[in-house]
Amino acid sequence: MLKVQGMTRQHFVFSVRRAIDAVDEAMPELGSGLVRVRDDRLDAAALVEAIRKAGFDAKSADAESQ
């Protein structure tokens, strides 16, 4: 799971979704600001980089809880 900072409006969710469009197993959620990833084999670093290129800060939600 990834935490995306600044994803506060529905059109931001669409921007993040476009950034990770090739990943069917990842779904951004507006209310929580989380991107849930259903496949543990996905490269989280690549997803974070794609989200950052879309203009948002992202990191592992696990890292935030520590």
PDB file of N, CA and C in Angstrom:
ATOM      1  N   MET A   1       0.846  -1.162   0.000  1.00  0.00           N
ATOM      2  CA  MET A   1       0.000   0.000   0.000  1.00  0.00           C
ATOM      3  C   MET A   1       0.899   1.235   0.000  1.00  0.00           C
ATOM      4  N   LEU A   2       0.495   2.233  -0.764  1.00  0.00           N
ATOM      5  CA  LEU A   2       1.242   3.488  -0.842  1.00  0.00           C
ATOM      6  C   LEU A   2       0.380   4.625  -0.315  1.00  0.00           C
ATOM      7  N   LYS A   3       0.993   5.592   0.322  1.00  0.00           N
ATOM      8  CA  LYS A   3       0.308   6.800   0.782  1.00  0.00           C
ATOM      9  C   LYS A   3       0.702   7.927  -0.159  1.00  0.00           C
ATOM     10  N   VAL A   4      -0.299   8.615  -0.720  1.00  0.00           N
ATOM     11  CA  VAL A   4      -0.061   9.705  -1.658  1.00  0.00           C
ATOM     12  C   VAL A   4      -0.460  11.015  -0.997  1.00  0.00           C
ATOM     13  N   GLN A   5       0.476  11.933  -0.897  1.00  0.00           N
ATOM     14  CA  GLN A   5       0.215  13.247  -0.316  1.00  0.00           C
ATOM     15  C   GLN A   5      -0.399  14.160  -1.380  1.00  0.00           C
ATOM     16  N   GLY A   6      -1.422  14.912  -1.034  1.00  0.00           N
ATOM     17  CA  GLY A   6      -1.988  15.899  -1.931  1.00  0.00           C
ATOM     18  C   GLY A   6      -3.089  15.383  -2.840  1.00  0.00           C
ATOM     19  N   MET A   7      -3.462  14.137  -2.703  1.00  0.00           N
ATOM     20  CA  MET A   7      -4.525  13.575  -3.535  1.00  0.00           C
ATOM     21  C   MET A   7      -5.862  13.862  -2.836  1.00  0.00           C
ATOM     22  N   THR A   8      -6.280  15.126  -2.880  1.00  0.00           N
ATOM     23  CA  THR A   8      -7.425  15.576  -2.097  1.00  0.00           C
ATOM     24  C   THR A   8      -8.694  15.806  -2.913  1.00  0.00           C
ATOM     25  N   ARG A   9      -8.615  15.706  -4.213  1.00  0.00           N
ATOM     26  CA  ARG A   9      -9.773  15.924  -5.074  1.00  0.00           C
ATOM     27  C   ARG A   9      -9.857  14.781  -6.087  1.00  0.00           C
ATOM     28  N   GLN A  10     -11.069  14.562  -6.580  1.00  0.00           N
ATOM     29  CA  GLN A  10     -11.287  13.452  -7.499  1.00  0.00           C
ATOM     30  C   GLN A  10     -10.408  13.551  -8.742  1.00  0.00           C
ATOM     31  N   HIS A  11     -10.183  14.760  -9.275  1.00  0.00           N
ATOM     32  CA  HIS A  11      -9.345  14.849 -10.478  1.00  0.00           C
ATOM     33  C   HIS A  11      -7.888  14.508 -10.167  1.00  0.00           C
ATOM     34  N   PHE A  12      -7.463  14.643  -8.910  1.00  0.00           N
ATOM     35  CA  PHE A  12      -6.122  14.203  -8.531  1.00  0.00           C
ATOM     36  C   PHE A  12      -6.050  12.672  -8.548  1.00  0.00           C
ATOM     37  N   VAL A  13      -7.138  12.032  -8.138  1.00  0.00           N
ATOM     38  CA  VAL A  13      -7.199  10.569  -8.201  1.00  0.00           C
ATOM     39  C   VAL A  13      -7.040  10.121  -9.652  1.00  0.00           C
ATOM     40  N   PHE A  14      -7.725  10.808 -10.579  1.00  0.00           N
ATOM     41  CA  PHE A  14      -7.592  10.462 -11.994  1.00  0.00           C
ATOM     42  C   PHE A  14      -6.155  10.655 -12.475  1.00  0.00           C
ATOM     43  N   SER A  15      -5.483  11.705 -11.989  1.00  0.00           N
ATOM     44  CA  SER A  15      -4.087  11.932 -12.369  1.00  0.00           C
ATOM     45  C   SER A  15      -3.193  10.793 -11.892  1.00  0.00           C
ATOM     46  N   VAL A  16      -3.398  10.371 -10.663  1.00  0.00           N
ATOM     47  CA  VAL A  16      -2.608   9.257 -10.120  1.00  0.00           C
ATOM     48  C   VAL A  16      -2.950   7.973 -10.874  1.00  0.00           C
ATOM     49  N   ARG A  17      -4.234   7.766 -11.138  1.00  0.00           N
ATOM     50  CA  ARG A  17      -4.634   6.563 -11.874  1.00  0.00           C
ATOM     51  C   ARG A  17      -3.985   6.527 -13.251  1.00  0.00           C
ATOM     52  N   ARG A  18      -3.928   7.676 -13.925  1.00  0.00           N
ATOM     53  CA  ARG A  18      -3.258   7.738 -15.230  1.00  0.00           C
ATOM     54  C   ARG A  18      -1.774   7.427 -15.098  1.00  0.00           C
ATOM     55  N   ALA A  19      -1.161   7.914 -14.028  1.00  0.00           N
ATOM     56  CA  ALA A  19       0.278   7.699 -13.818  1.00  0.00           C
ATOM     57  C   ALA A  19       0.601   6.212 -13.647  1.00  0.00           C
ATOM     58  N   ILE A  20      -0.324   5.474 -13.080  1.00  0.00           N
ATOM     59  CA  ILE A  20      -0.086   4.051 -12.833  1.00  0.00           C
ATOM     60  C   ILE A  20      -1.014   3.195 -13.697  1.00  0.00           C
ATOM     61  N   ASP A  21      -1.413   3.733 -14.829  1.00  0.00           N
ATOM     62  CA  ASP A  21      -2.405   3.114 -15.694  1.00  0.00           C
ATOM     63  C   ASP A  21      -2.074   1.682 -16.089  1.00  0.00           C
ATOM     64  N   ALA A  22      -0.828   1.374 -16.263  1.00  0.00           N
ATOM     65  CA  ALA A  22      -0.437   0.034 -16.703  1.00  0.00           C
ATOM     66  C   ALA A  22      -0.591  -1.003 -15.596  1.00  0.00           C
ATOM     67  N   VAL A  23      -0.862  -0.557 -14.395  1.00  0.00           N
ATOM     68  CA  VAL A  23      -0.942  -1.477 -13.254  1.00  0.00           C
ATOM     69  C   VAL A  23      -2.401  -1.665 -12.862  1.00  0.00           C
ATOM     70  N   ASP A  24      -3.002  -2.749 -13.318  1.00  0.00           N
ATOM     71  CA  ASP A  24      -4.406  -3.017 -13.010  1.00  0.00           C
ATOM     72  C   ASP A  24      -4.623  -3.340 -11.537  1.00  0.00           C
ATOM     73  N   GLU A  25      -3.563  -3.785 -10.877  1.00  0.00           N
ATOM     74  CA  GLU A  25      -3.688  -4.203  -9.487  1.00  0.00           C
ATOM     75  C   GLU A  25      -3.520  -3.061  -8.488  1.00  0.00           C
ATOM     76  N   ALA A  26      -3.420  -1.828  -8.975  1.00  0.00           N
ATOM     77  CA  ALA A  26      -3.256  -0.675  -8.081  1.00  0.00           C
ATOM     78  C   ALA A  26      -4.435   0.271  -8.255  1.00  0.00           C
ATOM     79  N   MET A  27      -5.054   0.662  -7.148  1.00  0.00           N
ATOM     80  CA  MET A  27      -6.233   1.514  -7.206  1.00  0.00           C
ATOM     81  C   MET A  27      -6.134   2.644  -6.189  1.00  0.00           C
ATOM     82  N   PRO A  28      -6.058   3.908  -6.667  1.00  0.00           N
ATOM     83  CA  PRO A  28      -6.011   5.040  -5.742  1.00  0.00           C
ATOM     84  C   PRO A  28      -7.382   5.305  -5.110  1.00  0.00           C
ATOM     85  N   GLU A  29      -7.377   5.735  -3.854  1.00  0.00           N
ATOM     86  CA  GLU A  29      -8.605   6.036  -3.120  1.00  0.00           C
ATOM     87  C   GLU A  29      -8.545   7.470  -2.609  1.00  0.00           C
ATOM     88  N   LEU A  30      -9.569   8.246  -2.915  1.00  0.00           N
ATOM     89  CA  LEU A  30      -9.602   9.662  -2.547  1.00  0.00           C
ATOM     90  C   LEU A  30      -9.632   9.866  -1.041  1.00  0.00           C
ATOM     91  N   GLY A  31     -10.553   9.259  -0.349  1.00  0.00           N
ATOM     92  CA  GLY A  31     -10.754   9.520   1.068  1.00  0.00           C
ATOM     93  C   GLY A  31      -9.535   9.256   1.934  1.00  0.00           C
ATOM     94  N   SER A  32      -8.860   8.167   1.646  1.00  0.00           N
ATOM     95  CA  SER A  32      -7.730   7.771   2.480  1.00  0.00           C
ATOM     96  C   SER A  32      -6.395   8.278   1.949  1.00  0.00           C
ATOM     97  N   GLY A  33      -6.356   8.645   0.668  1.00  0.00           N
ATOM     98  CA  GLY A  33      -5.090   9.040   0.054  1.00  0.00           C
ATOM     99  C   GLY A  33      -4.175   7.859  -0.197  1.00  0.00           C
ATOM    100  N   LEU A  34      -4.751   6.662  -0.163  1.00  0.00           N
ATOM    101  CA  LEU A  34      -3.954   5.456  -0.332  1.00  0.00           C
ATOM    102  C   LEU A  34      -4.089   4.897  -1.738  1.00  0.00           C
ATOM    103  N   VAL A  35      -3.044   4.237  -2.184  1.00  0.00           N
ATOM    104  CA  VAL A  35      -3.102   3.435  -3.395  1.00  0.00           C
ATOM    105  C   VAL A  35      -2.948   1.997  -2.926  1.00  0.00           C
ATOM    106  N   ARG A  36      -4.007   1.244  -3.068  1.00  0.00           N
ATOM    107  CA  ARG A  36      -3.975  -0.157  -2.655  1.00  0.00           C
ATOM    108  C   ARG A  36      -3.434  -0.987  -3.812  1.00  0.00           C
ATOM    109  N   VAL A  37      -2.454  -1.822  -3.500  1.00  0.00           N
ATOM    110  CA  VAL A  37      -1.815  -2.657  -4.504  1.00  0.00           C
ATOM    111  C   VAL A  37      -2.151  -4.104  -4.166  1.00  0.00           C
ATOM    112  N   ARG A  38      -2.783  -4.788  -5.117  1.00  0.00           N
ATOM    113  CA  ARG A  38      -3.246  -6.157  -4.870  1.00  0.00           C
ATOM    114  C   ARG A  38      -2.224  -7.225  -5.223  1.00  0.00           C
ATOM    115  N   ASP A  39      -1.101  -6.846  -5.772  1.00  0.00           N
ATOM    116  CA  ASP A  39      -0.103  -7.836  -6.191  1.00  0.00           C
ATOM    117  C   ASP A  39       1.233  -7.478  -5.551  1.00  0.00           C
ATOM    118  N   ASP A  40       1.676  -8.286  -4.589  1.00  0.00           N
ATOM    119  CA  ASP A  40       2.918  -8.008  -3.858  1.00  0.00           C
ATOM    120  C   ASP A  40       4.157  -8.078  -4.741  1.00  0.00           C
ATOM    121  N   ARG A  41       4.033  -8.643  -5.935  1.00  0.00           N
ATOM    122  CA  ARG A  41       5.183  -8.756  -6.831  1.00  0.00           C
ATOM    123  C   ARG A  41       5.460  -7.451  -7.584  1.00  0.00           C
ATOM    124  N   LEU A  42       4.564  -6.477  -7.484  1.00  0.00           N
ATOM    125  CA  LEU A  42       4.777  -5.204  -8.176  1.00  0.00           C
ATOM    126  C   LEU A  42       5.917  -4.433  -7.536  1.00  0.00           C
ATOM    127  N   ASP A  43       6.612  -3.675  -8.343  1.00  0.00           N
ATOM    128  CA  ASP A  43       7.743  -2.878  -7.878  1.00  0.00           C
ATOM    129  C   ASP A  43       7.222  -1.576  -7.269  1.00  0.00           C
ATOM    130  N   ALA A  44       7.171  -1.520  -5.948  1.00  0.00           N
ATOM    131  CA  ALA A  44       6.645  -0.345  -5.256  1.00  0.00           C
ATOM    132  C   ALA A  44       7.444   0.905  -5.600  1.00  0.00           C
ATOM    133  N   ALA A  45       8.744   0.778  -5.755  1.00  0.00           N
ATOM    134  CA  ALA A  45       9.580   1.940  -6.087  1.00  0.00           C
ATOM    135  C   ALA A  45       9.188   2.514  -7.448  1.00  0.00           C
ATOM    136  N   ALA A  46       8.869   1.652  -8.397  1.00  0.00           N
ATOM    137  CA  ALA A  46       8.447   2.127  -9.724  1.00  0.00           C
ATOM    138  C   ALA A  46       7.103   2.832  -9.646  1.00  0.00           C
ATOM    139  N   LEU A  47       6.195   2.323  -8.815  1.00  0.00           N
ATOM    140  CA  LEU A  47       4.902   2.989  -8.637  1.00  0.00           C
ATOM    141  C   LEU A  47       5.083   4.359  -7.992  1.00  0.00           C
ATOM    142  N   VAL A  48       5.914   4.429  -6.959  1.00  0.00           N
ATOM    143  CA  VAL A  48       6.184   5.701  -6.285  1.00  0.00           C
ATOM    144  C   VAL A  48       6.765   6.700  -7.282  1.00  0.00           C
ATOM    145  N   GLU A  49       7.700   6.255  -8.105  1.00  0.00           N
ATOM    146  CA  GLU A  49       8.319   7.143  -9.091  1.00  0.00           C
ATOM    147  C   GLU A  49       7.288   7.653 -10.104  1.00  0.00           C
ATOM    148  N   ALA A  50       6.400   6.778 -10.560  1.00  0.00           N
ATOM    149  CA  ALA A  50       5.359   7.188 -11.507  1.00  0.00           C
ATOM    150  C   ALA A  50       4.425   8.219 -10.885  1.00  0.00           C
ATOM    151  N   ILE A  51       4.083   8.018  -9.623  1.00  0.00           N
ATOM    152  CA  ILE A  51       3.203   8.954  -8.919  1.00  0.00           C
ATOM    153  C   ILE A  51       3.914  10.292  -8.719  1.00  0.00           C
ATOM    154  N   ARG A  52       5.188  10.256  -8.382  1.00  0.00           N
ATOM    155  CA  ARG A  52       5.959  11.497  -8.215  1.00  0.00           C
ATOM    156  C   ARG A  52       6.059  12.261  -9.523  1.00  0.00           C
ATOM    157  N   LYS A  53       6.241  11.550 -10.633  1.00  0.00           N
ATOM    158  CA  LYS A  53       6.296  12.208 -11.940  1.00  0.00           C
ATOM    159  C   LYS A  53       4.969  12.880 -12.279  1.00  0.00           C
ATOM    160  N   ALA A  54       3.875  12.387 -11.690  1.00  0.00           N
ATOM    161  CA  ALA A  54       2.560  12.999 -11.894  1.00  0.00           C
ATOM    162  C   ALA A  54       2.359  14.214 -10.985  1.00  0.00           C
ATOM    163  N   GLY A  55       3.339  14.493 -10.118  1.00  0.00           N
ATOM    164  CA  GLY A  55       3.273  15.689  -9.282  1.00  0.00           C
ATOM    165  C   GLY A  55       2.838  15.477  -7.852  1.00  0.00           C
ATOM    166  N   PHE A  56       2.846  14.245  -7.388  1.00  0.00           N
ATOM    167  CA  PHE A  56       2.434  13.948  -6.018  1.00  0.00           C
ATOM    168  C   PHE A  56       3.569  13.261  -5.280  1.00  0.00           C
ATOM    169  N   ASP A  57       3.611  13.464  -3.969  1.00  0.00           N
ATOM    170  CA  ASP A  57       4.584  12.755  -3.154  1.00  0.00           C
ATOM    171  C   ASP A  57       3.951  11.436  -2.738  1.00  0.00           C
ATOM    172  N   ALA A  58       4.704  10.379  -2.797  1.00  0.00           N
ATOM    173  CA  ALA A  58       4.186   9.067  -2.415  1.00  0.00           C
ATOM    174  C   ALA A  58       5.261   8.298  -1.683  1.00  0.00           C
ATOM    175  N   LYS A  59       4.811   7.428  -0.774  1.00  0.00           N
ATOM    176  CA  LYS A  59       5.729   6.557  -0.057  1.00  0.00           C
ATOM    177  C   LYS A  59       4.945   5.357   0.435  1.00  0.00           C
ATOM    178  N   SER A  60       5.650   4.372   0.897  1.00  0.00           N
ATOM    179  CA  SER A  60       5.021   3.192   1.426  1.00  0.00           C
ATOM    180  C   SER A  60       4.180   3.577   2.642  1.00  0.00           C
ATOM    181  N   ALA A  61       2.956   3.116   2.696  1.00  0.00           N
ATOM    182  CA  ALA A  61       2.105   3.390   3.852  1.00  0.00           C
ATOM    183  C   ALA A  61       2.664   2.721   5.095  1.00  0.00           C
ATOM    184  N   ASP A  62       3.383   1.617   4.923  1.00  0.00           N
ATOM    185  CA  ASP A  62       4.021   0.945   6.053  1.00  0.00           C
ATOM    186  C   ASP A  62       5.092   1.826   6.674  1.00  0.00           C
ATOM    187  N   ALA A  63       5.832   2.556   5.840  1.00  0.00           N
ATOM    188  CA  ALA A  63       6.885   3.451   6.338  1.00  0.00           C
ATOM    189  C   ALA A  63       6.284   4.584   7.148  1.00  0.00           C
ATOM    190  N   GLU A  64       5.106   5.048   6.756  1.00  0.00           N
ATOM    191  CA  GLU A  64       4.460   6.143   7.470  1.00  0.00           C
ATOM    192  C   GLU A  64       3.981   5.726   8.845  1.00  0.00           C
ATOM    193  N   SER A  65       3.581   4.470   9.003  1.00  0.00           N
ATOM    194  CA  SER A  65       3.041   4.015  10.284  1.00  0.00           C
ATOM    195  C   SER A  65       4.127   3.743  11.319  1.00  0.00           C
ATOM    196  N   GLN A  66       5.396   3.773  10.901  1.00  0.00           N
ATOM    197  CA  GLN A  66       6.493   3.481  11.832  1.00  0.00           C
ATOM    198  C   GLN A  66       6.959   4.727  12.538  1.00  0.00           C
TER     199      GLN A  66
END
